[in-house]
Protein backbone atom coordinates (compact mmCIF):
# COMPACT_ATOMS: atom_id res chain seq x y z
CA UNK A 1 -39.24 7.44 14.13
CA UNK A 2 -41.19 10.39 14.94
CA UNK A 3 -40.81 13.35 12.93
CA UNK A 4 -37.88 15.89 14.75
CA UNK A 5 -36.23 12.62 16.55
CA UNK A 6 -32.71 13.72 16.28
CA UNK A 7 -30.75 10.68 14.35
CA UNK A 8 -27.63 9.38 16.02
CA UNK A 9 -25.29 8.86 13.15
CA UNK A 10 -23.53 5.77 13.19
CA UNK A 11 -19.27 6.11 12.83
CA UNK A 12 -17.63 4.80 10.09
CA UNK A 13 -14.70 2.83 11.35
CA UNK A 14 -12.54 5.59 9.79
CA UNK A 15 -14.11 8.26 12.00
CA UNK A 16 -13.28 6.29 14.88
CA UNK A 17 -9.66 6.88 14.16
CA UNK A 18 -7.93 9.10 16.13
CA UNK A 19 -5.21 11.49 14.07
CA UNK A 20 -2.01 9.49 15.84
CA UNK A 21 -3.42 6.16 15.51
CA UNK A 22 -2.08 3.15 13.38
CA UNK A 23 0.19 3.49 10.70
CA UNK A 24 0.80 6.04 7.54
CA UNK A 25 0.69 4.38 4.46
CA UNK A 26 1.14 5.11 1.27
CA UNK A 27 -0.92 3.26 -1.17
CA UNK A 28 0.11 3.12 -4.58
CA UNK A 29 0.21 1.53 -8.31
CA UNK A 30 3.19 0.88 -10.84
CA UNK A 31 3.40 3.65 -14.30
CA UNK A 32 2.10 1.16 -16.62
CA UNK A 33 -0.79 0.20 -14.71
CA UNK A 34 -4.32 2.29 -14.74
CA UNK A 35 -6.20 0.00 -12.15
CA UNK A 36 -7.79 1.73 -9.59
CA UNK A 37 -10.32 -0.95 -7.52
CA UNK A 38 -7.59 -2.32 -6.04
CA UNK A 39 -6.20 0.62 -4.93
CA UNK A 40 -9.52 1.68 -3.15
CA UNK A 41 -10.26 -1.78 -1.71
CA UNK A 42 -6.39 -1.43 -0.25
CA UNK A 43 -7.41 2.06 1.52
CA UNK A 44 -10.44 1.27 2.86
CA UNK A 45 -9.41 -2.35 3.97
CA UNK A 46 -6.07 -0.48 5.91
CA UNK A 47 -8.43 2.39 7.05
CA UNK A 48 -10.33 -0.39 8.48
CA UNK A 49 -7.50 -1.82 10.49
CA UNK A 50 -6.43 2.23 12.03
CA UNK A 51 -4.23 3.01 9.81
CA UNK A 52 -4.77 6.90 7.72
CA UNK A 53 -4.23 5.97 3.59
CA UNK A 54 -2.60 8.63 1.14
CA UNK A 55 -4.10 6.90 -2.17
CA UNK A 56 -1.58 7.66 -5.12
CA UNK A 57 -4.17 6.55 -7.59
CA UNK A 58 -3.05 4.75 -11.23
CA UNK A 59 0.02 5.14 -13.26
CA UNK A 60 2.10 6.24 -10.96
CA UNK A 61 5.52 7.49 -12.02
CA UNK A 62 8.15 6.42 -10.02
CA UNK A 63 9.77 10.07 -9.71
CA UNK A 64 6.07 11.06 -8.15
CA UNK A 65 6.29 8.28 -6.13
CA UNK A 66 9.56 8.97 -4.62
CA UNK A 67 8.27 12.75 -4.44
CA UNK A 68 5.66 11.49 -2.32
CA UNK A 69 6.95 9.24 -0.22
CA UNK A 70 9.82 12.24 0.83
CA UNK A 71 6.93 14.47 1.60
CA UNK A 72 4.67 12.85 3.69
CA UNK A 73 6.93 10.26 5.08
CA UNK A 74 4.90 7.24 5.53
CA UNK A 75 4.87 4.42 7.80
CA UNK A 76 5.05 2.29 4.86
CA UNK A 77 4.43 1.76 0.56
CA UNK A 78 2.09 -0.61 0.08
CA UNK A 79 1.84 -0.94 -4.25
CA UNK A 80 -0.33 -3.05 -5.48
CA UNK A 81 -0.87 -3.91 -9.71
CA UNK A 82 -3.25 -6.04 -10.95
CA UNK A 83 -2.10 -5.27 -14.75
CA UNK A 84 0.15 -8.67 -14.88
CA UNK A 85 3.29 -5.81 -15.21
CA UNK A 86 3.27 -4.72 -11.23
CA UNK A 87 6.80 -7.51 -11.03
CA UNK A 88 8.91 -5.75 -13.59
CA UNK A 89 7.53 -2.14 -12.74
CA UNK A 90 7.67 -2.86 -8.97
CA UNK A 91 11.93 -3.54 -9.54
CA UNK A 92 11.64 -0.23 -11.05
CA UNK A 93 10.03 1.61 -8.81
CA UNK A 94 11.57 0.01 -5.14
CA UNK A 95 14.72 0.51 -6.32
CA UNK A 96 13.83 4.27 -6.76
CA UNK A 97 13.03 5.00 -3.57
CA UNK A 98 16.02 2.07 -2.24
CA UNK A 99 18.23 4.69 -4.11
CA UNK A 100 16.90 8.05 -1.87
CA UNK A 101 18.34 8.45 1.17
CA UNK A 102 14.82 9.67 2.14
CA UNK A 103 12.87 6.84 1.70
CA UNK A 104 15.69 3.81 1.69
CA UNK A 105 14.29 2.23 4.90
CA UNK A 106 10.46 2.81 4.51
CA UNK A 107 8.65 -0.59 4.18
CA UNK A 108 7.66 -1.06 0.98
CA UNK A 109 5.68 -4.26 0.20
CA UNK A 110 4.00 -5.50 -3.02
CA UNK A 111 0.84 -7.04 -4.06
CA UNK A 112 -1.91 -8.41 -6.74
CA UNK A 113 -1.65 -9.94 -10.18
CA UNK A 114 2.35 -9.26 -10.92
CA UNK A 115 3.40 -11.40 -13.57
CA UNK A 116 1.77 -12.96 -16.69
CA UNK A 117 2.37 -16.32 -15.97
CA UNK A 118 -0.24 -17.10 -13.06
CA UNK A 119 -0.46 -18.05 -9.31
CA UNK A 120 3.05 -19.34 -8.56
CA UNK A 121 4.65 -17.70 -11.57
CA UNK A 122 6.53 -14.21 -9.93
CA UNK A 123 9.55 -14.05 -9.13
CA UNK A 124 9.03 -13.12 -5.20
CA UNK A 125 13.04 -13.79 -4.30
CA UNK A 126 13.50 -11.28 -7.30
CA UNK A 127 11.27 -8.82 -5.70
CA UNK A 128 12.55 -9.21 -3.05
CA UNK A 129 16.53 -8.84 -3.89
CA UNK A 130 15.18 -6.05 -5.56
CA UNK A 131 14.41 -3.74 -1.94
CA UNK A 132 10.65 -5.60 -1.13
CA UNK A 133 9.90 -6.52 2.05
CA UNK A 134 7.68 -8.51 1.79
CA UNK A 135 5.21 -10.55 -1.88
CA UNK A 136 1.71 -10.66 -1.56
CA UNK A 137 0.23 -12.30 -4.65
CA UNK A 138 -3.06 -12.85 -5.41
CA UNK A 139 -2.92 -17.28 -3.52
CA UNK A 140 -1.35 -15.29 -0.91
CA UNK A 141 -4.95 -13.74 1.25
CA UNK A 142 -4.94 -10.98 3.66
CA UNK A 143 -4.02 -12.97 6.65
CA UNK A 144 -0.81 -12.95 6.00
CA UNK A 145 -0.61 -9.58 5.00
CA UNK A 146 -2.42 -8.57 8.37
CA UNK A 147 0.10 -10.16 9.97
CA UNK A 148 2.82 -8.00 8.34
CA UNK A 149 1.24 -4.76 9.49
CA UNK A 150 1.01 -5.92 12.56
CA UNK A 151 5.41 -6.04 12.66
CA UNK A 152 5.64 -2.52 11.26
CA UNK A 153 5.85 -0.03 14.52
CA UNK A 154 4.10 3.40 13.70
CA UNK A 155 6.77 6.38 12.85
CA UNK A 156 9.85 4.76 12.19
CA UNK A 157 10.55 7.32 9.64
CA UNK A 158 9.63 10.07 11.15
C-alpha cells in the first residue's frame, strides 16, 4: 500500500443495517445473574442477523425490565441466564411483564443454563405456562432460536 492511499473501511454487519430493519430486541439477564459474556454474545449474534438490540446487562431487577419494555416498546425480549437460577428468576420476571397491559403481548423468550440439574433438567412446560413464548436451553442450539426469530413480525408492539 502506498502512503496516502485512502483506505476503504470494511463495513461491519451492524453498520449495514437500516434503522428501520429487523426486530427491536431487548436482551437482559435476571436479577440474580451477574454474567455478561452471554449477553454480549447474544447482542452480537442478533445484530449480525440484522436486528436492533438494547442490552440491559446483568442483574436486571424485574421492575427495571418492565420499565425499559414500556419505554422502548421492543418486538422481542430475550432473557439469558447462566448461573443456574434463570428458571426461577425468569418465572417471576415474565409474570411481571405479563401483568402490565403495555408489556403483556411482547414475545419473551428465555435461554441458557436455566437450572442446576443439567441439560433437560429444566421444567420447560412450567416456563411456558408462566408466560414465556419459547425456552432455549444450552442443548437446544441456535438453529431453533433463529427459526423462532424469523417467526416474529417486526413492529408488533408499536
